[in-house]
Amino acid sequence: LSSDCTDVSDTFRGRLRPVPPKLEVDRLNLAYGLCVDVYISEAWWEGVLFDHEIGSEERRVFFPDLGDEMNVGLQSLRVTQDWNERTETWECRGRWLFLDLIEKYREDNYLPVSVKQLWYDIRDRIGFARIREWTCSTRNLWEDLMLEVIDDNLKITINQFLHDYDQELKILEETSQAVSETNACSSGVLTIAPQEEQFSCVDKYHKPASQRCFFLTPVSGIRSEENYINRVTEFSSEISTAAHENMILPKKNGNWQPFDCVAKSAP
């Protein structure tokens, strides 16, 4: 073999090695996080069990190198074994150290994101160069990097929560202000928009429609516009009629007062 095949990693993954001994797969001993090999397309792919369906004939397997997962039948699984060059023996790899630490941190602290997202973040960190491969078994290297990533994600989650909380408070304040203004209108003064008058008479009682107001009480509530206009029109007509009578009829016998009224077309 040429030297191109010898500089892969210190764990001997990817190098030629003896065929591992066949181990019987006991479906009752396939725990979450156990490292397994999956036979796909005439090759064995390294992954980890990613569900808790112990005893099932089909399991969910996550492939850290690929960042993907799939359902696999037990007939396509085997427990991962690593070749020990020093002792020249095969040893079961066991559980993925990353998932072991995740379980520990989940008991002690809150995990702000999913397990897969944490793995993606760790894999993209500069510090992962010291770990090199997901099969690394040096615990302190994993602990330092994982705590750093969990802390960063927790800060992002808290900042996002505070931002969303501020936005909700702002919406509540705007809604409360709108309700207050609505209540003020319902218990205050209702002003009718100017409408064209049928007659315009010159007298001291006449006021433009834009200046006419109708006072409401909280008990009576908001009255319909039609009823209001009828009452205001009736009230205004009574005043105008009385004023016109005073202007047209003579105050004394034989003396007539001037009358000035200009008719306008109805709206």
Protein backbone atom coordinates (compact mmCIF):
# COMPACT_ATOMS: atom_id res chain seq x y z
CA LEU A 1 0.00 0.00 0.00
CA SER A 2 1.14 3.53 -0.70
CA SER A 3 1.44 6.23 1.95
CA ASP A 4 -1.77 7.85 0.64
CA CYS A 5 -3.78 5.33 2.65
CA THR A 6 -1.92 5.70 5.92
CA ASP A 7 -2.49 9.30 7.02
CA VAL A 8 -6.20 9.25 7.77
CA SER A 9 -6.54 9.57 11.56
CA ASP A 10 -5.09 8.33 14.80
CA THR A 11 -8.11 6.08 15.35
CA PHE A 12 -7.27 3.88 12.33
CA ARG A 13 -10.70 4.52 10.82
CA GLY A 14 -10.54 4.08 7.06
CA ARG A 15 -7.42 1.88 7.12
CA LEU A 16 -7.32 -1.73 6.07
CA ARG A 17 -7.83 -4.02 9.04
CA PRO A 18 -8.84 -7.59 9.78
CA VAL A 19 -12.46 -8.55 9.43
CA PRO A 20 -14.17 -8.07 12.82
CA PRO A 21 -15.66 -11.12 14.48
CA LYS A 22 -19.36 -11.58 14.01
CA LEU A 23 -21.44 -10.65 17.02
CA GLU A 24 -25.02 -11.69 17.52
CA VAL A 25 -27.31 -8.67 17.57
CA ASP A 26 -29.50 -8.81 20.67
CA ARG A 27 -32.34 -6.42 20.03
CA LEU A 28 -32.95 -6.07 23.77
CA ASN A 29 -29.41 -4.72 24.31
CA LEU A 30 -29.44 -2.09 21.55
CA ALA A 31 -29.63 1.03 23.71
CA TYR A 32 -29.91 4.65 22.64
CA GLY A 33 -26.52 6.08 21.58
CA LEU A 34 -24.90 2.70 20.89
CA CYS A 35 -22.44 2.82 17.98
CA VAL A 36 -23.46 0.50 15.15
CA ASP A 37 -22.54 -0.27 11.54
CA VAL A 38 -25.22 -0.26 8.85
CA TYR A 39 -24.88 -2.24 5.64
CA ILE A 40 -25.97 0.00 2.75
CA SER A 41 -25.08 -0.32 -0.93
CA GLU A 42 -22.54 -3.09 -0.33
CA ALA A 43 -20.65 -1.11 2.34
CA TRP A 44 -20.72 -0.66 6.11
CA TRP A 45 -21.53 2.85 7.36
CA GLU A 46 -20.83 3.96 10.92
CA GLY A 47 -23.68 5.44 12.90
CA VAL A 48 -25.41 5.51 16.29
CA LEU A 49 -28.83 4.36 17.46
CA PHE A 50 -30.98 7.46 17.70
CA ASP A 51 -34.21 6.23 19.25
CA HIS A 52 -35.42 4.46 22.38
CA GLU A 53 -37.40 1.69 20.65
CA ILE A 54 -35.59 -1.16 22.40
CA GLY A 55 -36.87 -4.53 21.17
CA SER A 56 -38.16 -3.16 17.87
CA GLU A 57 -37.29 -4.91 14.58
CA GLU A 58 -36.47 -1.52 13.03
CA ARG A 59 -34.36 1.23 14.58
CA ARG A 60 -33.53 4.86 13.82
CA VAL A 61 -29.83 5.39 13.06
CA PHE A 62 -28.01 8.74 12.91
CA PHE A 63 -24.83 9.07 10.83
CA PRO A 64 -22.59 11.80 12.36
CA ASP A 65 -20.26 11.95 9.35
CA LEU A 66 -23.18 12.62 7.01
CA GLY A 67 -25.45 14.50 9.39
CA ASP A 68 -28.40 12.36 8.28
CA GLU A 69 -30.57 9.61 9.75
CA MET A 70 -32.73 6.74 8.53
CA ASN A 71 -34.74 3.71 9.67
CA VAL A 72 -32.80 0.45 9.47
CA GLY A 73 -33.86 -3.17 9.96
CA LEU A 74 -31.96 -5.28 12.49
CA GLN A 75 -30.77 -7.60 9.73
CA SER A 76 -28.66 -4.70 8.35
CA LEU A 77 -27.09 -3.79 11.72
CA ARG A 78 -24.03 -4.89 13.59
CA VAL A 79 -22.42 -3.53 16.76
CA THR A 80 -19.36 -1.37 15.96
CA GLN A 81 -15.98 -2.82 16.95
CA ASP A 82 -12.63 -0.99 16.88
CA TRP A 83 -9.30 -2.63 16.21
CA ASN A 84 -6.75 -2.14 18.99
CA GLU A 85 -3.36 -2.04 17.30
CA ARG A 86 -1.46 -2.48 20.55
CA THR A 87 -3.30 -5.55 21.78
CA GLU A 88 -4.31 -6.71 18.30
CA THR A 89 -7.83 -7.36 19.45
CA TRP A 90 -11.32 -6.10 18.58
CA GLU A 91 -13.17 -4.00 21.18
CA CYS A 92 -16.76 -2.81 21.15
CA ARG A 93 -16.90 0.94 20.78
CA GLY A 94 -19.93 1.29 23.02
CA ARG A 95 -21.99 4.49 23.31
CA TRP A 96 -21.17 7.72 21.52
CA LEU A 97 -19.46 9.98 24.06
CA PHE A 98 -21.23 13.04 22.69
CA LEU A 99 -24.65 11.56 23.52
CA ASP A 100 -23.45 10.45 26.94
CA LEU A 101 -22.50 14.04 27.77
CA ILE A 102 -25.78 15.33 26.31
CA GLU A 103 -27.70 13.13 28.74
CA LYS A 104 -25.62 14.49 31.62
CA TYR A 105 -26.11 18.14 30.64
CA ARG A 106 -29.81 17.58 30.05
CA GLU A 107 -30.20 16.52 33.67
CA ASP A 108 -28.16 19.44 35.00
CA ASN A 109 -29.20 22.25 32.64
CA TYR A 110 -31.65 23.28 29.98
CA LEU A 111 -30.70 22.39 26.39
CA PRO A 112 -31.78 25.34 24.21
CA VAL A 113 -31.70 23.42 20.90
CA SER A 114 -32.02 19.87 19.60
CA VAL A 115 -29.28 17.25 19.90
CA LYS A 116 -28.68 17.29 16.15
CA GLN A 117 -28.37 21.08 16.12
CA LEU A 118 -25.79 20.93 18.91
CA TRP A 119 -23.81 18.39 16.92
CA TYR A 120 -23.89 20.59 13.79
CA ASP A 121 -22.72 23.60 15.83
CA ILE A 122 -19.91 21.66 17.49
CA ARG A 123 -18.73 20.21 14.19
CA ASP A 124 -18.43 23.73 12.71
CA ARG A 125 -16.41 25.16 15.63
CA ILE A 126 -12.69 25.80 15.32
CA GLY A 127 -12.17 23.82 18.52
CA PHE A 128 -13.44 20.69 16.81
CA ALA A 129 -10.03 20.44 15.09
CA ARG A 130 -8.68 19.11 18.40
CA ILE A 131 -11.33 16.39 18.50
CA ARG A 132 -10.86 15.63 14.78
CA GLU A 133 -13.49 12.85 14.57
CA TRP A 134 -16.81 12.10 16.22
CA THR A 135 -15.38 8.78 17.47
CA CYS A 136 -12.90 10.58 19.71
CA SER A 137 -12.97 9.22 23.27
CA THR A 138 -11.08 12.04 25.04
CA ARG A 139 -13.73 13.26 27.45
CA ASN A 140 -12.25 16.64 28.46
CA LEU A 141 -11.99 17.76 24.81
CA TRP A 142 -15.69 17.12 24.33
CA GLU A 143 -16.71 18.72 27.62
CA ASP A 144 -14.98 22.06 26.97
CA LEU A 145 -16.39 22.43 23.47
CA MET A 146 -19.88 21.26 24.33
CA LEU A 147 -20.23 23.64 27.28
CA GLU A 148 -19.12 26.50 25.04
CA VAL A 149 -21.70 25.66 22.35
CA ILE A 150 -24.53 25.10 24.85
CA ASP A 151 -23.77 28.43 26.55
CA ASP A 152 -23.77 30.30 23.21
CA ASN A 153 -27.08 28.76 22.15
CA LEU A 154 -28.60 29.53 25.53
CA LYS A 155 -27.65 33.21 25.15
CA ILE A 156 -29.21 33.31 21.68
CA THR A 157 -32.40 31.70 22.99
CA ILE A 158 -32.67 34.16 25.90
CA ASN A 159 -32.08 37.17 23.65
CA GLN A 160 -34.74 35.96 21.23
CA PHE A 161 -37.18 35.41 24.09
CA LEU A 162 -36.61 38.92 25.44
CA HIS A 163 -37.06 40.39 21.97
CA ASP A 164 -40.36 38.53 21.45
CA TYR A 165 -41.49 39.53 24.94
CA ASP A 166 -40.83 43.22 24.22
CA GLN A 167 -42.78 42.96 20.97
CA GLU A 168 -45.75 41.42 22.76
CA LEU A 169 -45.68 44.15 25.40
CA LYS A 170 -45.66 46.78 22.66
CA ILE A 171 -48.68 45.19 20.99
CA LEU A 172 -50.53 44.99 24.33
CA GLU A 173 -49.83 48.67 25.03
CA GLU A 174 -51.10 49.70 21.59
CA THR A 175 -54.21 47.57 22.02
CA SER A 176 -54.84 48.98 25.49
CA GLN A 177 -54.48 52.53 24.19
CA ALA A 178 -56.92 51.84 21.36
CA VAL A 179 -59.47 50.39 23.81
CA SER A 180 -59.09 53.42 26.09
CA GLU A 181 -59.72 55.79 23.19
CA THR A 182 -62.78 53.78 22.17
CA ASN A 183 -64.16 53.91 25.72
CA ALA A 184 -63.53 57.64 25.87
CA CYS A 185 -65.50 58.16 22.66
CA SER A 186 -68.40 56.05 23.89
CA SER A 187 -68.74 58.12 27.10
CA GLY A 188 -67.85 61.53 25.67
CA VAL A 189 -69.19 63.87 22.97
CA LEU A 190 -70.38 62.60 19.63
CA THR A 191 -70.05 65.18 16.86
CA ILE A 192 -71.98 64.79 13.63
CA ALA A 193 -70.11 65.63 10.45
CA PRO A 194 -71.33 68.69 8.52
CA GLN A 195 -74.27 68.01 6.24
CA GLU A 196 -75.87 70.36 3.80
CA GLU A 197 -78.80 72.20 5.27
CA GLN A 198 -82.09 72.62 3.45
CA PHE A 199 -82.49 76.20 4.68
CA SER A 200 -80.13 78.82 5.94
CA CYS A 201 -81.78 81.48 7.99
CA VAL A 202 -80.21 84.54 9.44
CA ASP A 203 -80.99 84.41 13.13
CA LYS A 204 -79.09 84.33 16.37
CA TYR A 205 -80.11 80.73 17.12
CA HIS A 206 -78.77 79.20 13.99
CA LYS A 207 -75.45 77.22 14.20
CA PRO A 208 -73.63 75.35 11.45
CA ALA A 209 -74.04 71.56 11.57
CA SER A 210 -70.31 71.15 12.26
CA GLN A 211 -70.75 72.94 15.58
CA ARG A 212 -73.70 70.91 16.80
CA CYS A 213 -72.88 68.28 19.42
CA PHE A 214 -74.89 65.71 21.29
CA PHE A 215 -73.75 64.74 24.78
CA LEU A 216 -73.98 61.07 25.71
CA THR A 217 -73.86 59.46 29.14
CA PRO A 218 -72.21 56.15 29.95
CA VAL A 219 -75.61 54.75 30.90
CA SER A 220 -77.26 55.56 27.60
CA GLY A 221 -74.28 54.38 25.55
CA ILE A 222 -73.78 55.17 21.87
CA ARG A 223 -77.03 56.00 20.12
CA SER A 224 -77.62 55.21 16.50
CA GLU A 225 -76.77 57.98 14.06
CA GLU A 226 -80.29 57.96 12.58
CA ASN A 227 -82.01 58.49 15.94
CA TYR A 228 -79.52 61.16 16.84
CA ILE A 229 -80.01 63.10 13.60
CA ASN A 230 -83.80 62.92 13.98
CA ARG A 231 -83.65 64.30 17.52
CA VAL A 232 -81.16 67.02 16.69
CA THR A 233 -83.15 68.02 13.59
CA GLU A 234 -86.35 68.15 15.63
CA PHE A 235 -84.67 70.22 18.33
CA SER A 236 -83.15 72.62 15.79
CA SER A 237 -86.44 72.97 13.93
CA GLU A 238 -88.26 73.95 17.13
CA ILE A 239 -85.72 76.68 17.85
CA SER A 240 -85.70 77.92 14.26
CA THR A 241 -89.54 77.95 14.08
CA ALA A 242 -89.78 79.95 17.27
CA ALA A 243 -87.19 82.37 16.00
CA HIS A 244 -88.93 82.77 12.66
CA GLU A 245 -92.25 83.44 14.31
CA ASN A 246 -90.68 86.22 16.33
CA MET A 247 -89.20 87.73 13.20
CA ILE A 248 -92.28 87.43 10.97
CA LEU A 249 -95.09 88.32 13.35
CA PRO A 250 -95.32 91.98 14.37
CA LYS A 251 -94.33 92.83 17.89
CA LYS A 252 -96.97 95.50 17.89
CA ASN A 253 -100.05 96.04 15.86
CA GLY A 254 -99.22 97.66 12.61
CA ASN A 255 -95.45 97.12 12.84
CA TRP A 256 -93.79 94.30 10.80
CA GLN A 257 -90.25 93.04 11.27
CA PRO A 258 -87.90 92.29 8.34
CA PHE A 259 -87.63 88.65 7.20
CA ASP A 260 -84.56 87.29 5.48
CA CYS A 261 -84.48 83.56 4.54
CA VAL A 262 -82.69 82.01 1.59
CA ALA A 263 -83.84 78.54 0.45
CA LYS A 264 -81.31 75.92 -0.58
CA SER A 265 -81.75 72.66 -2.35
CA ALA A 266 -82.05 69.51 -0.20
CA PRO A 267 -79.07 67.10 -0.12
